[in-house]
N, C-alpha and C. Protein backbone atom coordinates (compact mmCIF):
# COMPACT_ATOMS: atom_id res chain seq x y z
N MET A 1 28.67 -16.27 32.49
CA MET A 1 27.75 -15.33 31.82
C MET A 1 26.50 -16.07 31.34
N PRO A 2 25.34 -15.58 31.70
CA PRO A 2 24.08 -16.25 31.34
C PRO A 2 23.83 -16.21 29.84
N VAL A 3 23.19 -17.26 29.34
CA VAL A 3 22.88 -17.31 27.91
C VAL A 3 21.50 -16.74 27.65
N PRO A 4 21.27 -16.22 26.45
CA PRO A 4 19.96 -15.66 26.12
C PRO A 4 18.88 -16.73 26.11
N PRO A 5 17.63 -16.36 26.37
CA PRO A 5 16.52 -17.31 26.40
C PRO A 5 16.35 -17.99 25.05
N SER A 6 16.07 -19.29 25.07
CA SER A 6 15.90 -20.02 23.82
C SER A 6 14.74 -20.98 23.93
N THR A 7 13.94 -21.07 22.88
CA THR A 7 12.79 -21.96 22.88
C THR A 7 13.26 -23.41 22.79
N ALA A 8 14.51 -23.58 22.34
CA ALA A 8 15.07 -24.92 22.20
C ALA A 8 15.32 -25.53 23.59
N THR A 9 15.72 -24.67 24.53
CA THR A 9 16.01 -25.15 25.89
C THR A 9 14.77 -25.02 26.77
N GLY A 10 13.80 -24.22 26.29
CA GLY A 10 12.57 -24.05 27.06
C GLY A 10 12.76 -23.13 28.25
N LEU A 11 13.88 -22.38 28.25
CA LEU A 11 14.14 -21.48 29.38
C LEU A 11 13.69 -20.06 29.05
N GLU A 12 13.26 -19.36 30.06
CA GLU A 12 12.88 -17.96 29.87
C GLU A 12 13.49 -17.12 30.99
N PRO A 13 13.84 -15.86 30.69
CA PRO A 13 14.49 -14.99 31.68
C PRO A 13 13.56 -14.64 32.83
N ARG A 14 14.09 -14.68 34.04
CA ARG A 14 13.30 -14.26 35.21
C ARG A 14 13.36 -12.74 35.31
N LEU A 15 12.21 -12.12 35.54
CA LEU A 15 12.14 -10.66 35.59
C LEU A 15 12.95 -10.11 36.77
N GLY A 16 13.74 -9.07 36.48
CA GLY A 16 14.49 -8.40 37.53
C GLY A 16 15.82 -9.06 37.85
N THR A 17 16.12 -10.17 37.16
CA THR A 17 17.39 -10.85 37.44
C THR A 17 18.04 -11.30 36.15
N THR A 18 19.28 -11.75 36.24
CA THR A 18 19.98 -12.28 35.07
C THR A 18 19.97 -13.80 35.10
N THR A 19 19.21 -14.35 36.06
CA THR A 19 19.14 -15.80 36.20
C THR A 19 17.99 -16.35 35.38
N PHE A 20 18.27 -17.41 34.62
CA PHE A 20 17.24 -18.00 33.77
C PHE A 20 16.63 -19.22 34.46
N VAL A 21 15.30 -19.23 34.52
CA VAL A 21 14.61 -20.34 35.18
C VAL A 21 13.60 -20.96 34.23
N PRO A 22 13.33 -22.25 34.35
CA PRO A 22 12.34 -22.91 33.51
C PRO A 22 10.94 -22.39 33.79
N PRO A 23 10.13 -22.21 32.75
CA PRO A 23 8.76 -21.72 32.92
C PRO A 23 7.92 -22.69 33.74
N LEU A 24 7.11 -22.17 34.66
CA LEU A 24 6.29 -23.05 35.50
C LEU A 24 4.94 -23.29 34.87
């Protein structure tokens, strides 16, 4: 199960998916 986006990890949710990817 994917974790919610966190500024601590620097990850943000990708639109239209449940997969979290690092901001480019």
